[in-house]
């Protein structure tokens, strides 16, 4: 998985270190791996529109 993430590994590391629930991004690699990341790190990857939709609930 680290090979596919490339230079975005630091976003996941920061999210983990601060116990973030979400990473809001348009990064195609992170978005394509959202299910994997959520199951392994319990960090949900969303676009800003998806986050706003979820926030409205």
PDB file of N, CA and C in Angstrom:
ATOM      1  N   UNK A   1       0.825  -1.192   0.000  1.00  0.00           N
ATOM      2  CA  UNK A   1       0.000   0.000   0.000  1.00  0.00           C
ATOM      3  C   UNK A   1       0.867   1.252   0.000  1.00  0.00           C
ATOM      4  N   UNK A   2       1.978   1.238   0.708  1.00  0.00           N
ATOM      5  CA  UNK A   2       2.832   2.417   0.782  1.00  0.00           C
ATOM      6  C   UNK A   2       3.345   2.803  -0.594  1.00  0.00           C
ATOM      7  N   UNK A   3       3.657   1.821  -1.436  1.00  0.00           N
ATOM      8  CA  UNK A   3       4.124   2.128  -2.790  1.00  0.00           C
ATOM      9  C   UNK A   3       3.075   2.876  -3.592  1.00  0.00           C
ATOM     10  N   UNK A   4       1.826   2.539  -3.417  1.00  0.00           N
ATOM     11  CA  UNK A   4       0.759   3.223  -4.156  1.00  0.00           C
ATOM     12  C   UNK A   4       0.500   4.619  -3.614  1.00  0.00           C
ATOM     13  N   UNK A   5       0.689   4.835  -2.328  1.00  0.00           N
ATOM     14  CA  UNK A   5       0.425   6.137  -1.730  1.00  0.00           C
ATOM     15  C   UNK A   5       1.479   7.154  -2.146  1.00  0.00           C
ATOM     16  N   UNK A   6       2.712   6.717  -2.297  1.00  0.00           N
ATOM     17  CA  UNK A   6       3.780   7.621  -2.716  1.00  0.00           C
ATOM     18  C   UNK A   6       4.031   8.704  -1.690  1.00  0.00           C
ATOM     19  N   UNK A   7       4.034   9.953  -2.131  1.00  0.00           N
ATOM     20  CA  UNK A   7       4.363  11.082  -1.262  1.00  0.00           C
ATOM     21  C   UNK A   7       3.237  11.486  -0.316  1.00  0.00           C
ATOM     22  N   UNK A   8       2.103  10.849  -0.389  1.00  0.00           N
ATOM     23  CA  UNK A   8       0.974  11.209   0.472  1.00  0.00           C
ATOM     24  C   UNK A   8       0.992  10.474   1.811  1.00  0.00           C
ATOM     25  N   UNK A   9       2.031   9.690   2.069  1.00  0.00           N
ATOM     26  CA  UNK A   9       2.113   8.935   3.318  1.00  0.00           C
ATOM     27  C   UNK A   9       2.034   9.855   4.527  1.00  0.00           C
ATOM     28  N   UNK A  10       2.573  11.074   4.372  1.00  0.00           N
ATOM     29  CA  UNK A  10       2.602  12.000   5.512  1.00  0.00           C
ATOM     30  C   UNK A  10       1.193  12.430   5.917  1.00  0.00           C
ATOM     31  N   UNK A  11       0.266  12.512   4.984  1.00  0.00           N
ATOM     32  CA  UNK A  11      -1.115  12.866   5.333  1.00  0.00           C
ATOM     33  C   UNK A  11      -1.725  11.814   6.252  1.00  0.00           C
ATOM     34  N   UNK A  12      -1.480  10.567   5.937  1.00  0.00           N
ATOM     35  CA  UNK A  12      -1.998   9.478   6.753  1.00  0.00           C
ATOM     36  C   UNK A  12      -1.319   9.480   8.118  1.00  0.00           C
ATOM     37  N   UNK A  13      -0.012   9.721   8.137  1.00  0.00           N
ATOM     38  CA  UNK A  13       0.719   9.763   9.406  1.00  0.00           C
ATOM     39  C   UNK A  13       0.211  10.888  10.306  1.00  0.00           C
ATOM     40  N   UNK A  14      -0.018  12.056   9.727  1.00  0.00           N
ATOM     41  CA  UNK A  14      -0.543  13.180  10.511  1.00  0.00           C
ATOM     42  C   UNK A  14      -1.942  12.866  11.019  1.00  0.00           C
ATOM     43  N   UNK A  15      -2.788  12.331  10.150  1.00  0.00           N
ATOM     44  CA  UNK A  15      -4.160  11.994  10.550  1.00  0.00           C
ATOM     45  C   UNK A  15      -4.153  11.010  11.720  1.00  0.00           C
ATOM     46  N   UNK A  16      -3.282  10.021  11.644  1.00  0.00           N
ATOM     47  CA  UNK A  16      -3.182   9.053  12.731  1.00  0.00           C
ATOM     48  C   UNK A  16      -2.692   9.702  14.019  1.00  0.00           C
ATOM     49  N   UNK A  17      -1.688  10.558  13.894  1.00  0.00           N
ATOM     50  CA  UNK A  17      -1.078  11.131  15.101  1.00  0.00           C
ATOM     51  C   UNK A  17      -2.024  12.068  15.843  1.00  0.00           C
ATOM     52  N   UNK A  18      -2.961  12.681  15.137  1.00  0.00           N
ATOM     53  CA  UNK A  18      -3.909  13.580  15.806  1.00  0.00           C
ATOM     54  C   UNK A  18      -5.292  12.938  15.971  1.00  0.00           C
ATOM     55  N   UNK A  19      -5.380  11.656  15.651  1.00  0.00           N
ATOM     56  CA  UNK A  19      -6.638  10.901  15.750  1.00  0.00           C
ATOM     57  C   UNK A  19      -7.754  11.546  14.931  1.00  0.00           C
ATOM     58  N   UNK A  20      -7.413  11.978  13.718  1.00  0.00           N
ATOM     59  CA  UNK A  20      -8.408  12.593  12.827  1.00  0.00           C
ATOM     60  C   UNK A  20      -9.386  11.539  12.325  1.00  0.00           C
ATOM     61  N   UNK A  21     -10.604  11.951  12.136  1.00  0.00           N
ATOM     62  CA  UNK A  21     -11.613  11.056  11.584  1.00  0.00           C
ATOM     63  C   UNK A  21     -11.649  11.109  10.065  1.00  0.00           C
ATOM     64  N   UNK A  22     -11.204  12.230   9.495  1.00  0.00           N
ATOM     65  CA  UNK A  22     -11.317  12.448   8.054  1.00  0.00           C
ATOM     66  C   UNK A  22     -10.035  13.018   7.464  1.00  0.00           C
ATOM     67  N   UNK A  23      -9.786  12.676   6.206  1.00  0.00           N
ATOM     68  CA  UNK A  23      -8.835  13.382   5.349  1.00  0.00           C
ATOM     69  C   UNK A  23      -9.668  13.915   4.201  1.00  0.00           C
ATOM     70  N   UNK A  24      -9.701  15.225   4.061  1.00  0.00           N
ATOM     71  CA  UNK A  24     -10.468  15.858   2.996  1.00  0.00           C
ATOM     72  C   UNK A  24      -9.484  16.178   1.869  1.00  0.00           C
ATOM     73  N   UNK A  25      -9.702  15.562   0.702  1.00  0.00           N
ATOM     74  CA  UNK A  25      -8.745  15.708  -0.393  1.00  0.00           C
ATOM     75  C   UNK A  25      -9.390  15.405  -1.734  1.00  0.00           C
ATOM     76  N   UNK A  26      -8.718  15.846  -2.786  1.00  0.00           N
ATOM     77  CA  UNK A  26      -9.083  15.464  -4.150  1.00  0.00           C
ATOM     78  C   UNK A  26      -8.003  14.583  -4.760  1.00  0.00           C
ATOM     79  N   UNK A  27      -7.064  14.117  -3.937  1.00  0.00           N
ATOM     80  CA  UNK A  27      -5.988  13.255  -4.414  1.00  0.00           C
ATOM     81  C   UNK A  27      -6.581  11.943  -4.916  1.00  0.00           C
ATOM     82  N   UNK A  28      -6.369  11.645  -6.192  1.00  0.00           N
ATOM     83  CA  UNK A  28      -6.992  10.475  -6.814  1.00  0.00           C
ATOM     84  C   UNK A  28      -6.525   9.163  -6.206  1.00  0.00           C
ATOM     85  N   UNK A  29      -5.253   9.092  -5.824  1.00  0.00           N
ATOM     86  CA  UNK A  29      -4.724   7.859  -5.233  1.00  0.00           C
ATOM     87  C   UNK A  29      -5.376   7.602  -3.874  1.00  0.00           C
ATOM     88  N   UNK A  30      -5.421   8.627  -3.038  1.00  0.00           N
ATOM     89  CA  UNK A  30      -6.037   8.443  -1.714  1.00  0.00           C
ATOM     90  C   UNK A  30      -7.518   8.124  -1.835  1.00  0.00           C
ATOM     91  N   UNK A  31      -8.201   8.783  -2.757  1.00  0.00           N
ATOM     92  CA  UNK A  31      -9.630   8.510  -2.945  1.00  0.00           C
ATOM     93  C   UNK A  31      -9.843   7.084  -3.431  1.00  0.00           C
ATOM     94  N   UNK A  32      -8.986   6.613  -4.324  1.00  0.00           N
ATOM     95  CA  UNK A  32      -9.134   5.245  -4.836  1.00  0.00           C
ATOM     96  C   UNK A  32      -8.861   4.198  -3.755  1.00  0.00           C
ATOM     97  N   UNK A  33      -8.154   4.592  -2.702  1.00  0.00           N
ATOM     98  CA  UNK A  33      -7.812   3.668  -1.624  1.00  0.00           C
ATOM     99  C   UNK A  33      -8.647   3.898  -0.370  1.00  0.00           C
ATOM    100  N   UNK A  34      -9.725   4.636  -0.471  1.00  0.00           N
ATOM    101  CA  UNK A  34     -10.485   5.026   0.721  1.00  0.00           C
ATOM    102  C   UNK A  34     -10.986   3.849   1.546  1.00  0.00           C
ATOM    103  N   UNK A  35     -11.434   2.777   0.911  1.00  0.00           N
ATOM    104  CA  UNK A  35     -11.923   1.628   1.686  1.00  0.00           C
ATOM    105  C   UNK A  35     -10.795   0.973   2.470  1.00  0.00           C
ATOM    106  N   UNK A  36      -9.652   0.811   1.820  1.00  0.00           N
ATOM    107  CA  UNK A  36      -8.490   0.234   2.488  1.00  0.00           C
ATOM    108  C   UNK A  36      -8.045   1.077   3.672  1.00  0.00           C
ATOM    109  N   UNK A  37      -7.959   2.384   3.453  1.00  0.00           N
ATOM    110  CA  UNK A  37      -7.504   3.286   4.500  1.00  0.00           C
ATOM    111  C   UNK A  37      -8.461   3.319   5.671  1.00  0.00           C
ATOM    112  N   UNK A  38      -9.742   3.309   5.384  1.00  0.00           N
ATOM    113  CA  UNK A  38     -10.727   3.347   6.475  1.00  0.00           C
ATOM    114  C   UNK A  38     -10.668   2.070   7.308  1.00  0.00           C
ATOM    115  N   UNK A  39     -10.516   0.925   6.650  1.00  0.00           N
ATOM    116  CA  UNK A  39     -10.494  -0.327   7.403  1.00  0.00           C
ATOM    117  C   UNK A  39      -9.198  -0.493   8.190  1.00  0.00           C
ATOM    118  N   UNK A  40      -8.087   0.021   7.679  1.00  0.00           N
ATOM    119  CA  UNK A  40      -6.804  -0.141   8.362  1.00  0.00           C
ATOM    120  C   UNK A  40      -6.523   0.963   9.368  1.00  0.00           C
ATOM    121  N   UNK A  41      -6.854   2.173   9.020  1.00  0.00           N
ATOM    122  CA  UNK A  41      -6.472   3.318   9.849  1.00  0.00           C
ATOM    123  C   UNK A  41      -7.647   3.993  10.532  1.00  0.00           C
ATOM    124  N   UNK A  42      -8.839   3.569  10.181  1.00  0.00           N
ATOM    125  CA  UNK A  42     -10.046   4.209  10.697  1.00  0.00           C
ATOM    126  C   UNK A  42     -10.079   5.696  10.373  1.00  0.00           C
ATOM    127  N   UNK A  43      -9.494   6.055   9.221  1.00  0.00           N
ATOM    128  CA  UNK A  43      -9.528   7.426   8.712  1.00  0.00           C
ATOM    129  C   UNK A  43     -10.336   7.399   7.420  1.00  0.00           C
ATOM    130  N   UNK A  44     -11.351   8.223   7.361  1.00  0.00           N
ATOM    131  CA  UNK A  44     -12.198   8.261   6.181  1.00  0.00           C
ATOM    132  C   UNK A  44     -11.689   9.330   5.218  1.00  0.00           C
ATOM    133  N   UNK A  45     -11.533   8.956   3.944  1.00  0.00           N
ATOM    134  CA  UNK A  45     -11.060   9.877   2.907  1.00  0.00           C
ATOM    135  C   UNK A  45     -12.279  10.352   2.127  1.00  0.00           C
ATOM    136  N   UNK A  46     -12.479  11.675   2.100  1.00  0.00           N
ATOM    137  CA  UNK A  46     -13.620  12.274   1.429  1.00  0.00           C
ATOM    138  C   UNK A  46     -13.191  13.493   0.618  1.00  0.00           C
ATOM    139  N   UNK A  47     -13.986  13.826  -0.400  1.00  0.00           N
ATOM    140  CA  UNK A  47     -13.818  15.121  -1.058  1.00  0.00           C
ATOM    141  C   UNK A  47     -14.556  16.147  -0.208  1.00  0.00           C
ATOM    142  N   UNK A  48     -14.336  17.406  -0.479  1.00  0.00           N
ATOM    143  CA  UNK A  48     -15.005  18.430   0.334  1.00  0.00           C
ATOM    144  C   UNK A  48     -16.522  18.368   0.163  1.00  0.00           C
ATOM    145  N   UNK A  49     -16.998  18.041  -1.036  1.00  0.00           N
ATOM    146  CA  UNK A  49     -18.448  17.926  -1.247  1.00  0.00           C
ATOM    147  C   UNK A  49     -19.030  16.768  -0.448  1.00  0.00           C
ATOM    148  N   UNK A  50     -18.336  15.636  -0.439  1.00  0.00           N
ATOM    149  CA  UNK A  50     -18.804  14.486   0.328  1.00  0.00           C
ATOM    150  C   UNK A  50     -18.829  14.795   1.824  1.00  0.00           C
ATOM    151  N   UNK A  51     -17.809  15.498   2.287  1.00  0.00           N
ATOM    152  CA  UNK A  51     -17.757  15.865   3.698  1.00  0.00           C
ATOM    153  C   UNK A  51     -18.928  16.786   4.052  1.00  0.00           C
ATOM    154  N   UNK A  52     -19.194  17.766   3.212  1.00  0.00           N
ATOM    155  CA  UNK A  52     -20.296  18.698   3.479  1.00  0.00           C
ATOM    156  C   UNK A  52     -21.635  17.968   3.495  1.00  0.00           C
ATOM    157  N   UNK A  53     -21.826  17.023   2.608  1.00  0.00           N
ATOM    158  CA  UNK A  53     -23.055  16.235   2.609  1.00  0.00           C
ATOM    159  C   UNK A  53     -23.197  15.456   3.902  1.00  0.00           C
ATOM    160  N   UNK A  54     -22.113  14.862   4.348  1.00  0.00           N
ATOM    161  CA  UNK A  54     -22.141  14.091   5.591  1.00  0.00           C
ATOM    162  C   UNK A  54     -22.347  15.005   6.796  1.00  0.00           C
ATOM    163  N   UNK A  55     -21.747  16.170   6.768  1.00  0.00           N
ATOM    164  CA  UNK A  55     -21.851  17.126   7.872  1.00  0.00           C
ATOM    165  C   UNK A  55     -23.276  17.635   8.033  1.00  0.00           C
ATOM    166  N   UNK A  56     -24.008  17.759   6.930  1.00  0.00           N
ATOM    167  CA  UNK A  56     -25.382  18.268   6.966  1.00  0.00           C
ATOM    168  C   UNK A  56     -26.323  17.329   7.687  1.00  0.00           C
ATOM    169  N   UNK A  57     -25.986  16.049   7.776  1.00  0.00           N
ATOM    170  CA  UNK A  57     -26.886  15.042   8.387  1.00  0.00           C
ATOM    171  C   UNK A  57     -27.040  15.235   9.846  1.00  0.00           C
TER     172      UNK A  57
END
